């Protein structure tokens, strides 16, 4: 049974020139910042909906489920705070690389008394609340760690029942590459964890791994219901379909499908 579940979103402050730089030729720095803001808003909405379904009243009548957003850089917290629902808790990302930032942010959420914790990014616009809830269900069934695989070899989601910093202690060069999921599963085995992937197959990742500047958790826009890192396949396809991608994300509600999360 879930005690005090939480979703942790790894997000970058949506500043012109600092996010979605591969899309500058299509959208320009300002448009890319707007897109990043929409994706962050979308991810927060997905997480809030999942937690609303998982929450149960505490002694004071308030729900014990929570949504956290870890922001990079830390001085962008105020701007990100304007994009997320009331009650979302903001953290500063800390660490020299994505693995260190993931471990530090997850550690803060656990230290606040929440578990299990599911981590996502902002670049998975096809992720749905059901996809997040599916990860919590796998953890409740006894898995120590669960990953949402992306087609690029990364992951768009990772969930854990307890603090496991070794899970994120990969070589820095691996983050954002095609081997990050395999390396993470290997790290889980070495740590003695029972880990595995969510059923339903991988998502197309716009960026692998939550928060990767190149994933860690990954980005996926594809099948509904299905991690947190860089601008990958989906945004490259978006550049080939500017009307369908840019218009849907900027004018619509935050994603091409109206659903997924990941960090960029």
C-alpha atoms as a PDB file:
ATOM      1  CA  UNK A   1       0.000   0.000   0.000  1.00  0.00           C
ATOM      2  CA  UNK A   2       1.257   3.493  -0.810  1.00  0.00           C
ATOM      3  CA  UNK A   3       2.025   5.467   2.310  1.00  0.00           C
ATOM      4  CA  UNK A   4       2.854   9.039   1.266  1.00  0.00           C
ATOM      5  CA  UNK A   5       3.478   8.797  -2.499  1.00  0.00           C
ATOM      6  CA  UNK A   6       5.095  11.621  -4.425  1.00  0.00           C
ATOM      7  CA  UNK A   7       5.911  12.536  -7.992  1.00  0.00           C
ATOM      8  CA  UNK A   8       9.150  14.427  -8.546  1.00  0.00           C
ATOM      9  CA  UNK A   9       9.519  16.424 -11.773  1.00  0.00           C
ATOM     10  CA  UNK A  10      12.986  17.388 -12.978  1.00  0.00           C
ATOM     11  CA  UNK A  11      12.597  20.698 -14.807  1.00  0.00           C
ATOM     12  CA  UNK A  12      14.660  23.475 -16.310  1.00  0.00           C
ATOM     13  CA  UNK A  13      13.658  27.098 -15.934  1.00  0.00           C
ATOM     14  CA  UNK A  14      12.136  28.093 -19.307  1.00  0.00           C
ATOM     15  CA  UNK A  15      14.543  30.875 -20.202  1.00  0.00           C
ATOM     16  CA  UNK A  16      15.198  32.042 -23.774  1.00  0.00           C
ATOM     17  CA  UNK A  17      18.514  30.706 -25.028  1.00  0.00           C
ATOM     18  CA  UNK A  18      18.799  28.063 -22.296  1.00  0.00           C
ATOM     19  CA  UNK A  19      16.175  25.471 -23.281  1.00  0.00           C
ATOM     20  CA  UNK A  20      15.224  23.506 -26.414  1.00  0.00           C
ATOM     21  CA  UNK A  21      18.171  25.023 -28.283  1.00  0.00           C
ATOM     22  CA  UNK A  22      17.906  22.482 -31.101  1.00  0.00           C
ATOM     23  CA  UNK A  23      14.577  24.039 -31.986  1.00  0.00           C
ATOM     24  CA  UNK A  24      15.922  27.591 -32.243  1.00  0.00           C
ATOM     25  CA  UNK A  25      15.875  27.503 -36.072  1.00  0.00           C
ATOM     26  CA  UNK A  26      12.174  26.596 -35.944  1.00  0.00           C
ATOM     27  CA  UNK A  27      10.816  28.567 -32.986  1.00  0.00           C
ATOM     28  CA  UNK A  28      13.526  31.024 -31.976  1.00  0.00           C
ATOM     29  CA  UNK A  29      14.797  31.399 -28.370  1.00  0.00           C
ATOM     30  CA  UNK A  30      11.553  32.957 -27.150  1.00  0.00           C
ATOM     31  CA  UNK A  31       9.396  30.300 -28.773  1.00  0.00           C
ATOM     32  CA  UNK A  32      11.570  27.550 -27.321  1.00  0.00           C
ATOM     33  CA  UNK A  33      11.227  29.063 -23.862  1.00  0.00           C
ATOM     34  CA  UNK A  34       7.451  29.199 -24.331  1.00  0.00           C
ATOM     35  CA  UNK A  35       7.443  25.568 -25.431  1.00  0.00           C
ATOM     36  CA  UNK A  36       9.501  24.553 -22.385  1.00  0.00           C
ATOM     37  CA  UNK A  37       7.068  26.394 -20.159  1.00  0.00           C
ATOM     38  CA  UNK A  38       4.110  24.596 -21.732  1.00  0.00           C
ATOM     39  CA  UNK A  39       5.811  21.240 -21.257  1.00  0.00           C
ATOM     40  CA  UNK A  40       6.529  22.008 -17.613  1.00  0.00           C
ATOM     41  CA  UNK A  41       2.922  23.040 -17.064  1.00  0.00           C
ATOM     42  CA  UNK A  42       1.766  19.840 -18.772  1.00  0.00           C
ATOM     43  CA  UNK A  43       4.044  17.607 -16.684  1.00  0.00           C
ATOM     44  CA  UNK A  44       2.826  19.247 -13.485  1.00  0.00           C
ATOM     45  CA  UNK A  45      -0.766  18.694 -14.548  1.00  0.00           C
ATOM     46  CA  UNK A  46      -0.145  15.017 -15.282  1.00  0.00           C
ATOM     47  CA  UNK A  47       1.568  14.566 -11.916  1.00  0.00           C
ATOM     48  CA  UNK A  48      -1.182  16.410 -10.035  1.00  0.00           C
ATOM     49  CA  UNK A  49      -3.875  14.284 -11.655  1.00  0.00           C
ATOM     50  CA  UNK A  50      -2.015  11.089 -10.773  1.00  0.00           C
ATOM     51  CA  UNK A  51      -1.551  12.206  -7.189  1.00  0.00           C
ATOM     52  CA  UNK A  52      -5.185  13.248  -6.867  1.00  0.00           C
ATOM     53  CA  UNK A  53      -6.095   9.669  -7.710  1.00  0.00           C
ATOM     54  CA  UNK A  54      -3.555   8.286  -5.236  1.00  0.00           C
ATOM     55  CA  UNK A  55      -4.110  10.700  -2.360  1.00  0.00           C
ATOM     56  CA  UNK A  56      -5.885   9.701   0.816  1.00  0.00           C
ATOM     57  CA  UNK A  57      -6.792  12.114   3.631  1.00  0.00           C
ATOM     58  CA  UNK A  58      -4.282  12.586   6.425  1.00  0.00           C
ATOM     59  CA  UNK A  59      -5.112  13.318  10.089  1.00  0.00           C
ATOM     60  CA  UNK A  60      -5.700  16.989   9.260  1.00  0.00           C
ATOM     61  CA  UNK A  61      -7.957  16.143   6.335  1.00  0.00           C
ATOM     62  CA  UNK A  62      -5.338  17.030   3.715  1.00  0.00           C
ATOM     63  CA  UNK A  63      -4.101  14.563   1.146  1.00  0.00           C
ATOM     64  CA  UNK A  64      -0.734  12.969   1.870  1.00  0.00           C
ATOM     65  CA  UNK A  65       0.313  12.568  -1.778  1.00  0.00           C
ATOM     66  CA  UNK A  66       2.497  15.359  -3.151  1.00  0.00           C
ATOM     67  CA  UNK A  67       4.084  16.768  -6.300  1.00  0.00           C
ATOM     68  CA  UNK A  68       7.607  18.191  -6.201  1.00  0.00           C
ATOM     69  CA  UNK A  69       9.450  20.064  -8.950  1.00  0.00           C
ATOM     70  CA  UNK A  70      13.249  20.235  -8.827  1.00  0.00           C
ATOM     71  CA  UNK A  71      14.372  23.313 -10.760  1.00  0.00           C
ATOM     72  CA  UNK A  72      17.608  24.022 -12.631  1.00  0.00           C
ATOM     73  CA  UNK A  73      19.016  26.598 -12.145  1.00  0.00           C
ATOM     74  CA  UNK A  74      17.820  27.250  -8.598  1.00  0.00           C
ATOM     75  CA  UNK A  75      17.245  30.959  -9.239  1.00  0.00           C
ATOM     76  CA  UNK A  76      14.553  29.955 -11.726  1.00  0.00           C
ATOM     77  CA  UNK A  77      12.261  28.581  -9.025  1.00  0.00           C
ATOM     78  CA  UNK A  78       9.977  31.616  -8.940  1.00  0.00           C
ATOM     79  CA  UNK A  79       9.316  31.428 -12.672  1.00  0.00           C
ATOM     80  CA  UNK A  80       8.618  27.710 -12.587  1.00  0.00           C
ATOM     81  CA  UNK A  81       6.367  28.234  -9.588  1.00  0.00           C
ATOM     82  CA  UNK A  82       4.056  30.336 -11.765  1.00  0.00           C
ATOM     83  CA  UNK A  83       3.614  27.380 -14.148  1.00  0.00           C
ATOM     84  CA  UNK A  84       2.559  24.698 -11.692  1.00  0.00           C
ATOM     85  CA  UNK A  85      -0.615  24.129  -9.656  1.00  0.00           C
ATOM     86  CA  UNK A  86      -0.955  25.574  -6.146  1.00  0.00           C
ATOM     87  CA  UNK A  87       0.501  23.247  -3.545  1.00  0.00           C
ATOM     88  CA  UNK A  88       3.328  22.021  -5.770  1.00  0.00           C
ATOM     89  CA  UNK A  89       6.563  21.999  -3.785  1.00  0.00           C
ATOM     90  CA  UNK A  90       9.674  23.476  -5.380  1.00  0.00           C
ATOM     91  CA  UNK A  91      13.229  22.246  -4.838  1.00  0.00           C
ATOM     92  CA  UNK A  92      16.565  23.473  -6.146  1.00  0.00           C
ATOM     93  CA  UNK A  93      18.517  20.994  -8.248  1.00  0.00           C
ATOM     94  CA  UNK A  94      21.942  20.333  -6.749  1.00  0.00           C
ATOM     95  CA  UNK A  95      24.872  18.392  -8.197  1.00  0.00           C
ATOM     96  CA  UNK A  96      27.557  18.442 -10.869  1.00  0.00           C
ATOM     97  CA  UNK A  97      25.757  16.097 -13.270  1.00  0.00           C
ATOM     98  CA  UNK A  98      22.311  14.667 -13.872  1.00  0.00           C
ATOM     99  CA  UNK A  99      22.901  11.594 -11.735  1.00  0.00           C
ATOM    100  CA  UNK A 100      23.901  13.695  -8.752  1.00  0.00           C
ATOM    101  CA  UNK A 101      20.932  16.017  -9.276  1.00  0.00           C
ATOM    102  CA  UNK A 102      18.495  13.096  -9.479  1.00  0.00           C
ATOM    103  CA  UNK A 103      19.912  11.493  -6.341  1.00  0.00           C
ATOM    104  CA  UNK A 104      19.861  14.772  -4.404  1.00  0.00           C
ATOM    105  CA  UNK A 105      16.320  15.729  -5.421  1.00  0.00           C
ATOM    106  CA  UNK A 106      14.902  12.256  -4.744  1.00  0.00           C
ATOM    107  CA  UNK A 107      16.715  12.245  -1.407  1.00  0.00           C
ATOM    108  CA  UNK A 108      14.992  15.496  -0.418  1.00  0.00           C
ATOM    109  CA  UNK A 109      11.582  14.074  -1.253  1.00  0.00           C
ATOM    110  CA  UNK A 110      12.256  10.949   0.812  1.00  0.00           C
ATOM    111  CA  UNK A 111      13.591  13.107   3.659  1.00  0.00           C
ATOM    112  CA  UNK A 112      10.276  14.995   3.612  1.00  0.00           C
ATOM    113  CA  UNK A 113       8.580  11.724   4.547  1.00  0.00           C
ATOM    114  CA  UNK A 114       7.304  10.612   1.137  1.00  0.00           C
ATOM    115  CA  UNK A 115       7.553   7.175  -0.404  1.00  0.00           C
ATOM    116  CA  UNK A 116       7.360   5.690  -2.926  1.00  0.00           C
ATOM    117  CA  UNK A 117       8.671   8.328  -5.320  1.00  0.00           C
ATOM    118  CA  UNK A 118       8.206   8.404  -9.087  1.00  0.00           C
ATOM    119  CA  UNK A 119      10.500  10.744 -11.033  1.00  0.00           C
ATOM    120  CA  UNK A 120       9.604  12.163 -14.429  1.00  0.00           C
ATOM    121  CA  UNK A 121      10.861  14.946 -16.668  1.00  0.00           C
ATOM    122  CA  UNK A 122       9.055  17.509 -18.801  1.00  0.00           C
ATOM    123  CA  UNK A 123       9.767  16.212 -22.307  1.00  0.00           C
ATOM    124  CA  UNK A 124       7.320  13.308 -22.337  1.00  0.00           C
ATOM    125  CA  UNK A 125       4.147  14.997 -23.592  1.00  0.00           C
ATOM    126  CA  UNK A 126       2.382  11.694 -24.188  1.00  0.00           C
ATOM    127  CA  UNK A 127       2.714  10.492 -20.624  1.00  0.00           C
ATOM    128  CA  UNK A 128      -0.673  10.264 -18.906  1.00  0.00           C
ATOM    129  CA  UNK A 129      -1.710  10.095 -15.250  1.00  0.00           C
ATOM    130  CA  UNK A 130      -2.440   6.408 -15.813  1.00  0.00           C
ATOM    131  CA  UNK A 131       1.179   5.893 -16.830  1.00  0.00           C
ATOM    132  CA  UNK A 132       2.368   7.409 -13.548  1.00  0.00           C
ATOM    133  CA  UNK A 133      -0.152   5.407 -11.545  1.00  0.00           C
ATOM    134  CA  UNK A 134       1.026   2.210 -13.280  1.00  0.00           C
ATOM    135  CA  UNK A 135       4.528   2.845 -11.899  1.00  0.00           C
ATOM    136  CA  UNK A 136       3.171   3.216  -8.360  1.00  0.00           C
ATOM    137  CA  UNK A 137       1.258  -0.032  -8.764  1.00  0.00           C
ATOM    138  CA  UNK A 138       4.414  -1.895  -9.783  1.00  0.00           C
ATOM    139  CA  UNK A 139       6.209  -0.536  -6.734  1.00  0.00           C
ATOM    140  CA  UNK A 140       3.292  -1.588  -4.517  1.00  0.00           C
ATOM    141  CA  UNK A 141       3.592  -5.112  -5.919  1.00  0.00           C
ATOM    142  CA  UNK A 142       7.099  -5.435  -4.520  1.00  0.00           C
ATOM    143  CA  UNK A 143       9.470  -4.027  -7.094  1.00  0.00           C
ATOM    144  CA  UNK A 144      12.259  -1.898  -5.684  1.00  0.00           C
ATOM    145  CA  UNK A 145      12.674   0.119  -8.868  1.00  0.00           C
ATOM    146  CA  UNK A 146      10.660   0.530 -12.045  1.00  0.00           C
ATOM    147  CA  UNK A 147      11.560   2.273 -15.293  1.00  0.00           C
ATOM    148  CA  UNK A 148       9.462   3.598 -18.161  1.00  0.00           C
ATOM    149  CA  UNK A 149      11.569   2.705 -21.216  1.00  0.00           C
ATOM    150  CA  UNK A 150      11.978   5.076 -24.150  1.00  0.00           C
ATOM    151  CA  UNK A 151      12.700   4.021 -27.726  1.00  0.00           C
ATOM    152  CA  UNK A 152      16.018   5.862 -27.733  1.00  0.00           C
ATOM    153  CA  UNK A 153      17.463   3.613 -25.021  1.00  0.00           C
ATOM    154  CA  UNK A 154      16.750   6.008 -22.176  1.00  0.00           C
ATOM    155  CA  UNK A 155      13.809   6.209 -19.821  1.00  0.00           C
ATOM    156  CA  UNK A 156      11.058   8.751 -19.250  1.00  0.00           C
ATOM    157  CA  UNK A 157      10.191   7.652 -15.698  1.00  0.00           C
ATOM    158  CA  UNK A 158      11.855   5.963 -12.754  1.00  0.00           C
ATOM    159  CA  UNK A 159      10.155   4.944  -9.527  1.00  0.00           C
ATOM    160  CA  UNK A 160      11.685   3.718  -6.277  1.00  0.00           C
ATOM    161  CA  UNK A 161      10.358   2.646  -2.895  1.00  0.00           C
ATOM    162  CA  UNK A 162      13.392   3.748  -0.892  1.00  0.00           C
ATOM    163  CA  UNK A 163      16.363   6.102  -1.351  1.00  0.00           C
ATOM    164  CA  UNK A 164      18.835   4.429  -3.717  1.00  0.00           C
ATOM    165  CA  UNK A 165      21.525   6.963  -4.692  1.00  0.00           C
ATOM    166  CA  UNK A 166      23.588   4.184  -6.316  1.00  0.00           C
ATOM    167  CA  UNK A 167      20.855   3.858  -8.942  1.00  0.00           C
ATOM    168  CA  UNK A 168      21.876   7.235 -10.343  1.00  0.00           C
ATOM    169  CA  UNK A 169      25.638   6.863  -9.869  1.00  0.00           C
ATOM    170  CA  UNK A 170      26.379   6.331 -13.555  1.00  0.00           C
ATOM    171  CA  UNK A 171      29.311   7.689 -15.511  1.00  0.00           C
ATOM    172  CA  UNK A 172      28.346  11.280 -16.370  1.00  0.00           C
ATOM    173  CA  UNK A 173      28.943  10.650 -20.077  1.00  0.00           C
ATOM    174  CA  UNK A 174      26.195   8.002 -20.113  1.00  0.00           C
ATOM    175  CA  UNK A 175      23.382  10.418 -19.289  1.00  0.00           C
ATOM    176  CA  UNK A 176      21.403  11.336 -22.364  1.00  0.00           C
ATOM    177  CA  UNK A 177      22.876   8.489 -24.408  1.00  0.00           C
ATOM    178  CA  UNK A 178      21.387   5.311 -25.826  1.00  0.00           C
ATOM    179  CA  UNK A 179      22.737   3.133 -23.010  1.00  0.00           C
ATOM    180  CA  UNK A 180      21.335   4.919 -19.969  1.00  0.00           C
ATOM    181  CA  UNK A 181      18.448   2.500 -19.348  1.00  0.00           C
ATOM    182  CA  UNK A 182      20.659  -0.580 -19.653  1.00  0.00           C
ATOM    183  CA  UNK A 183      23.257   1.027 -17.388  1.00  0.00           C
ATOM    184  CA  UNK A 184      20.572   1.930 -14.851  1.00  0.00           C
ATOM    185  CA  UNK A 185      19.163  -1.597 -14.812  1.00  0.00           C
ATOM    186  CA  UNK A 186      22.703  -2.849 -14.249  1.00  0.00           C
ATOM    187  CA  UNK A 187      23.124  -0.416 -11.369  1.00  0.00           C
ATOM    188  CA  UNK A 188      19.875  -1.714  -9.879  1.00  0.00           C
ATOM    189  CA  UNK A 189      21.127  -5.314 -10.056  1.00  0.00           C
ATOM    190  CA  UNK A 190      24.439  -4.402  -8.444  1.00  0.00           C
ATOM    191  CA  UNK A 191      22.550  -2.662  -5.640  1.00  0.00           C
ATOM    192  CA  UNK A 192      20.537  -5.823  -5.041  1.00  0.00           C
ATOM    193  CA  UNK A 193      17.287  -4.272  -6.214  1.00  0.00           C
ATOM    194  CA  UNK A 194      14.408  -6.004  -7.895  1.00  0.00           C
ATOM    195  CA  UNK A 195      13.926  -3.731 -10.873  1.00  0.00           C
ATOM    196  CA  UNK A 196      12.261  -3.819 -14.250  1.00  0.00           C
ATOM    197  CA  UNK A 197      10.421  -1.936 -16.956  1.00  0.00           C
ATOM    198  CA  UNK A 198       6.778  -0.953 -17.143  1.00  0.00           C
ATOM    199  CA  UNK A 199       4.629  -3.101 -19.382  1.00  0.00           C
ATOM    200  CA  UNK A 200       3.291  -1.778 -22.645  1.00  0.00           C
ATOM    201  CA  UNK A 201       6.528  -1.172 -24.542  1.00  0.00           C
ATOM    202  CA  UNK A 202       8.720   1.904 -24.839  1.00  0.00           C
ATOM    203  CA  UNK A 203       7.605   5.414 -25.647  1.00  0.00           C
ATOM    204  CA  UNK A 204       9.188   7.534 -28.320  1.00  0.00           C
ATOM    205  CA  UNK A 205      11.520   9.750 -26.380  1.00  0.00           C
ATOM    206  CA  UNK A 206      11.919  13.406 -27.105  1.00  0.00           C
ATOM    207  CA  UNK A 207      14.638  13.165 -24.558  1.00  0.00           C
ATOM    208  CA  UNK A 208      15.779  10.218 -22.496  1.00  0.00           C
ATOM    209  CA  UNK A 209      15.813  10.159 -18.716  1.00  0.00           C
ATOM    210  CA  UNK A 210      14.134  12.698 -16.405  1.00  0.00           C
ATOM    211  CA  UNK A 211      16.032  15.940 -16.550  1.00  0.00           C
ATOM    212  CA  UNK A 212      18.827  15.000 -18.917  1.00  0.00           C
ATOM    213  CA  UNK A 213      20.272  17.686 -20.994  1.00  0.00           C
ATOM    214  CA  UNK A 214      20.875  15.432 -23.678  1.00  0.00           C
ATOM    215  CA  UNK A 215      17.934  11.995 -19.998  1.00  0.00           C
ATOM    216  CA  UNK A 216      18.137  10.244 -16.952  1.00  0.00           C
ATOM    217  CA  UNK A 217      14.401  10.048 -16.783  1.00  0.00           C
ATOM    218  CA  UNK A 218      13.515  10.284 -20.558  1.00  0.00           C
ATOM    219  CA  UNK A 219      11.175  12.037 -22.948  1.00  0.00           C
ATOM    220  CA  UNK A 220       8.575  10.046 -24.834  1.00  0.00           C
ATOM    221  CA  UNK A 221       5.776  11.252 -27.117  1.00  0.00           C
ATOM    222  CA  UNK A 222       3.920   8.134 -28.276  1.00  0.00           C
ATOM    223  CA  UNK A 223       1.584   5.590 -26.659  1.00  0.00           C
ATOM    224  CA  UNK A 224      -0.542   6.976 -23.884  1.00  0.00           C
ATOM    225  CA  UNK A 225       0.117   5.853 -20.338  1.00  0.00           C
ATOM    226  CA  UNK A 226       3.687   5.379 -20.471  1.00  0.00           C
ATOM    227  CA  UNK A 227      10.792   8.632 -17.590  1.00  0.00           C
ATOM    228  CA  UNK A 228      12.981  12.137 -17.141  1.00  0.00           C
ATOM    229  CA  UNK A 229      16.488  14.416 -20.256  1.00  0.00           C
ATOM    230  CA  UNK A 230      17.873  16.293 -23.976  1.00  0.00           C
ATOM    231  CA  UNK A 231      15.895  16.978 -27.107  1.00  0.00           C
ATOM    232  CA  UNK A 232      15.662  13.778 -29.081  1.00  0.00           C
ATOM    233  CA  UNK A 233      13.592  11.991 -31.669  1.00  0.00           C
ATOM    234  CA  UNK A 234      10.254  13.673 -31.030  1.00  0.00           C
ATOM    235  CA  UNK A 235      11.557  17.225 -31.306  1.00  0.00           C
ATOM    236  CA  UNK A 236      13.573  16.315 -34.388  1.00  0.00           C
ATOM    237  CA  UNK A 237      10.324  15.080 -35.922  1.00  0.00           C
ATOM    238  CA  UNK A 238       8.682  18.265 -34.669  1.00  0.00           C
ATOM    239  CA  UNK A 239      11.186  20.283 -36.677  1.00  0.00           C
ATOM    240  CA  UNK A 240       9.999  18.416 -39.759  1.00  0.00           C
ATOM    241  CA  UNK A 241       6.352  19.174 -38.880  1.00  0.00           C
ATOM    242  CA  UNK A 242       6.402  22.718 -37.495  1.00  0.00           C
ATOM    243  CA  UNK A 243       2.695  23.318 -37.905  1.00  0.00           C
ATOM    244  CA  UNK A 244       1.675  20.120 -36.144  1.00  0.00           C
ATOM    245  CA  UNK A 245       4.273  20.270 -33.390  1.00  0.00           C
ATOM    246  CA  UNK A 246       4.914  23.921 -32.633  1.00  0.00           C
ATOM    247  CA  UNK A 247       1.293  24.973 -32.990  1.00  0.00           C
ATOM    248  CA  UNK A 248       0.047  22.114 -30.823  1.00  0.00           C
ATOM    249  CA  UNK A 249       2.569  22.756 -28.078  1.00  0.00           C
ATOM    250  CA  UNK A 250       2.551  26.554 -28.078  1.00  0.00           C
ATOM    251  CA  UNK A 251      -1.037  27.351 -28.952  1.00  0.00           C
ATOM    252  CA  UNK A 252      -2.604  24.249 -27.490  1.00  0.00           C
ATOM    253  CA  UNK A 253      -2.135  23.049 -23.969  1.00  0.00           C
ATOM    254  CA  UNK A 254       1.448  21.968 -23.508  1.00  0.00           C
ATOM    255  CA  UNK A 255       2.060  18.961 -25.706  1.00  0.00           C
ATOM    256  CA  UNK A 256       1.333  17.515 -29.088  1.00  0.00           C
ATOM    257  CA  UNK A 257      -0.995  14.959 -27.538  1.00  0.00           C
ATOM    258  CA  UNK A 258      -2.187  17.048 -24.633  1.00  0.00           C
ATOM    259  CA  UNK A 259      -0.553  14.646 -22.241  1.00  0.00           C
ATOM    260  CA  UNK A 260       3.193  13.829 -21.476  1.00  0.00           C
ATOM    261  CA  UNK A 261       6.126  15.194 -19.313  1.00  0.00           C
ATOM    262  CA  UNK A 262       9.946  15.595 -19.323  1.00  0.00           C
ATOM    263  CA  UNK A 263      12.790  18.024 -18.662  1.00  0.00           C
ATOM    264  CA  UNK A 264      14.544  20.134 -21.187  1.00  0.00           C
END
